[in-house]
Amino acid sequence: MHFVFEVHVRPGYRAEQYAEAWVRASELIQQAPGARGTRLHRKIGDPDVLLAIASWESKAARDAMESRTSQAVRDIIAEQAQFVEVRVIGEFEDAEWVVEPGG
């Protein structure tokens, strides 16, 4: 399962500043059972728009993490709230069938 959200960095703040906080929070969140990694991408042509993709074993595993998010993670999210706007794009199931070049 993939949890996908878009981050819009507000004027006067830099994506690199957000990324530093995102790494701190992600390192804590990824300790949760069922976490399978996360990535942050910058939009081509618009360096103040980022895309985050977090992979989870299941929606239930992500929901369980969300229901018991640590105070440290909540604090990081709260400190960033004034600098960014986060828009959840959605939750996506892993594809049952994946075809990739070369394998």
C-alpha atoms as a PDB file:
ATOM      1  CA  MET A   1       0.000   0.000   0.000  1.00  0.00           C
ATOM      2  CA  HIS A   2       1.254   3.486  -0.799  1.00  0.00           C
ATOM      3  CA  PHE A   3       0.289   6.685   1.015  1.00  0.00           C
ATOM      4  CA  VAL A   4       0.904   9.663  -1.273  1.00  0.00           C
ATOM      5  CA  PHE A   5       0.854  13.354  -0.393  1.00  0.00           C
ATOM      6  CA  GLU A   6       1.922  16.619  -1.965  1.00  0.00           C
ATOM      7  CA  VAL A   7       3.728  19.360  -0.054  1.00  0.00           C
ATOM      8  CA  HIS A   8       3.647  23.013  -1.126  1.00  0.00           C
ATOM      9  CA  VAL A   9       6.446  25.024   0.465  1.00  0.00           C
ATOM     10  CA  ARG A  10       5.364  28.554   1.377  1.00  0.00           C
ATOM     11  CA  PRO A  11       7.350  31.636   0.290  1.00  0.00           C
ATOM     12  CA  GLY A  12      10.315  32.407   2.533  1.00  0.00           C
ATOM     13  CA  TYR A  13      10.906  28.740   3.361  1.00  0.00           C
ATOM     14  CA  ARG A  14      13.033  26.282   1.390  1.00  0.00           C
ATOM     15  CA  ALA A  15      12.260  22.730   0.357  1.00  0.00           C
ATOM     16  CA  GLU A  16      15.602  21.689   1.878  1.00  0.00           C
ATOM     17  CA  GLN A  17      14.427  22.940   5.274  1.00  0.00           C
ATOM     18  CA  TYR A  18      11.243  20.908   5.002  1.00  0.00           C
ATOM     19  CA  ALA A  19      13.206  17.881   3.783  1.00  0.00           C
ATOM     20  CA  GLU A  20      15.382  17.956   6.906  1.00  0.00           C
ATOM     21  CA  ALA A  21      12.290  17.802   9.129  1.00  0.00           C
ATOM     22  CA  TRP A  22      10.700  15.191   6.853  1.00  0.00           C
ATOM     23  CA  VAL A  23      13.754  12.944   7.298  1.00  0.00           C
ATOM     24  CA  ARG A  24      13.594  13.297  11.094  1.00  0.00           C
ATOM     25  CA  ALA A  25       9.910  12.355  11.159  1.00  0.00           C
ATOM     26  CA  SER A  26      10.326   9.581   8.590  1.00  0.00           C
ATOM     27  CA  GLU A  27      13.121   7.933  10.565  1.00  0.00           C
ATOM     28  CA  LEU A  28      10.732   7.633  13.515  1.00  0.00           C
ATOM     29  CA  ILE A  29       7.669   6.630  11.489  1.00  0.00           C
ATOM     30  CA  GLN A  30       9.603   3.960   9.588  1.00  0.00           C
ATOM     31  CA  GLN A  31      10.227   2.127  12.853  1.00  0.00           C
ATOM     32  CA  ALA A  32       6.518   1.198  12.952  1.00  0.00           C
ATOM     33  CA  PRO A  33       5.505  -2.371  12.111  1.00  0.00           C
ATOM     34  CA  GLY A  34       4.658  -2.695   8.429  1.00  0.00           C
ATOM     35  CA  ALA A  35       6.643   0.341   7.240  1.00  0.00           C
ATOM     36  CA  ARG A  36       8.404  -0.353   3.941  1.00  0.00           C
ATOM     37  CA  GLY A  37      10.158   2.907   3.180  1.00  0.00           C
ATOM     38  CA  THR A  38       9.419   6.397   1.999  1.00  0.00           C
ATOM     39  CA  ARG A  39      10.643   8.847  -0.645  1.00  0.00           C
ATOM     40  CA  LEU A  40      10.425  12.583  -1.188  1.00  0.00           C
ATOM     41  CA  HIS A  41      10.516  13.999  -4.718  1.00  0.00           C
ATOM     42  CA  ARG A  42      10.747  17.545  -6.055  1.00  0.00           C
ATOM     43  CA  LYS A  43       8.463  18.560  -8.914  1.00  0.00           C
ATOM     44  CA  ILE A  44      10.244  19.333 -12.171  1.00  0.00           C
ATOM     45  CA  GLY A  45       9.929  23.032 -12.914  1.00  0.00           C
ATOM     46  CA  ASP A  46       8.538  23.910  -9.477  1.00  0.00           C
ATOM     47  CA  PRO A  47      11.075  23.379  -6.675  1.00  0.00           C
ATOM     48  CA  ASP A  48       8.544  24.379  -4.017  1.00  0.00           C
ATOM     49  CA  VAL A  49       6.247  21.433  -4.717  1.00  0.00           C
ATOM     50  CA  LEU A  50       7.224  18.053  -3.307  1.00  0.00           C
ATOM     51  CA  LEU A  51       5.691  14.600  -3.576  1.00  0.00           C
ATOM     52  CA  ALA A  52       6.013  12.098  -0.740  1.00  0.00           C
ATOM     53  CA  ILE A  53       5.346   8.398  -1.169  1.00  0.00           C
ATOM     54  CA  ALA A  54       5.299   6.143   1.881  1.00  0.00           C
ATOM     55  CA  SER A  55       5.032   2.396   1.373  1.00  0.00           C
ATOM     56  CA  TRP A  56       3.351   0.129   3.900  1.00  0.00           C
ATOM     57  CA  GLU A  57       2.689  -3.573   4.249  1.00  0.00           C
ATOM     58  CA  SER A  58      -1.040  -2.762   4.404  1.00  0.00           C
ATOM     59  CA  LYS A  59      -3.534   0.018   5.043  1.00  0.00           C
ATOM     60  CA  ALA A  60      -4.131  -1.507   8.472  1.00  0.00           C
ATOM     61  CA  ALA A  61      -0.420  -1.150   9.324  1.00  0.00           C
ATOM     62  CA  ARG A  62      -0.426   2.517   8.303  1.00  0.00           C
ATOM     63  CA  ASP A  63      -3.670   3.180  10.166  1.00  0.00           C
ATOM     64  CA  ALA A  64      -2.197   1.543  13.279  1.00  0.00           C
ATOM     65  CA  MET A  65       0.876   3.796  13.093  1.00  0.00           C
ATOM     66  CA  GLU A  66      -1.346   6.844  12.594  1.00  0.00           C
ATOM     67  CA  SER A  67      -3.402   5.970  15.682  1.00  0.00           C
ATOM     68  CA  ARG A  68      -0.311   5.881  17.886  1.00  0.00           C
ATOM     69  CA  THR A  69       1.980   8.495  16.351  1.00  0.00           C
ATOM     70  CA  SER A  70       4.668   9.492  18.815  1.00  0.00           C
ATOM     71  CA  GLN A  71       4.763  12.927  20.386  1.00  0.00           C
ATOM     72  CA  ALA A  72       8.111  13.523  18.663  1.00  0.00           C
ATOM     73  CA  VAL A  73       6.526  13.004  15.228  1.00  0.00           C
ATOM     74  CA  ARG A  74       3.521  15.173  16.129  1.00  0.00           C
ATOM     75  CA  ASP A  75       5.919  17.915  17.244  1.00  0.00           C
ATOM     76  CA  ILE A  76       7.848  17.796  13.948  1.00  0.00           C
ATOM     77  CA  ILE A  77       4.622  17.964  11.939  1.00  0.00           C
ATOM     78  CA  ALA A  78       3.349  20.866  14.056  1.00  0.00           C
ATOM     79  CA  GLU A  79       6.584  22.839  13.677  1.00  0.00           C
ATOM     80  CA  GLN A  80       6.362  22.518   9.880  1.00  0.00           C
ATOM     81  CA  ALA A  81       2.664  23.384   9.572  1.00  0.00           C
ATOM     82  CA  GLN A  82       3.294  27.123   9.317  1.00  0.00           C
ATOM     83  CA  PHE A  83       5.788  26.651   6.482  1.00  0.00           C
ATOM     84  CA  VAL A  84       4.030  24.163   4.207  1.00  0.00           C
ATOM     85  CA  GLU A  85       0.637  23.087   2.986  1.00  0.00           C
ATOM     86  CA  VAL A  86       0.141  19.327   2.817  1.00  0.00           C
ATOM     87  CA  ARG A  87      -2.453  17.814   0.493  1.00  0.00           C
ATOM     88  CA  VAL A  88      -3.147  14.112   0.771  1.00  0.00           C
ATOM     89  CA  ILE A  89      -3.450  12.639  -2.703  1.00  0.00           C
ATOM     90  CA  GLY A  90      -4.574   9.238  -1.524  1.00  0.00           C
ATOM     91  CA  GLU A  91      -3.893   5.683  -0.534  1.00  0.00           C
ATOM     92  CA  PHE A  92      -3.087   3.231  -3.305  1.00  0.00           C
ATOM     93  CA  GLU A  93      -2.942  -0.552  -3.278  1.00  0.00           C
ATOM     94  CA  ASP A  94       0.137  -2.308  -4.549  1.00  0.00           C
ATOM     95  CA  ALA A  95      -0.442  -3.549  -8.058  1.00  0.00           C
ATOM     96  CA  GLU A  96      -1.317  -7.235  -8.277  1.00  0.00           C
ATOM     97  CA  TRP A  97       0.646  -7.474 -11.487  1.00  0.00           C
ATOM     98  CA  VAL A  98       3.662  -5.327 -12.296  1.00  0.00           C
ATOM     99  CA  VAL A  99       5.612  -5.362 -15.533  1.00  0.00           C
ATOM    100  CA  GLU A 100       8.984  -3.614 -15.480  1.00  0.00           C
ATOM    101  CA  PRO A 101      11.535  -3.363 -18.269  1.00  0.00           C
ATOM    102  CA  GLY A 102      14.468  -5.703 -17.904  1.00  0.00           C
ATOM    103  CA  GLY A 103      12.915  -8.185 -15.597  1.00  0.00           C
END
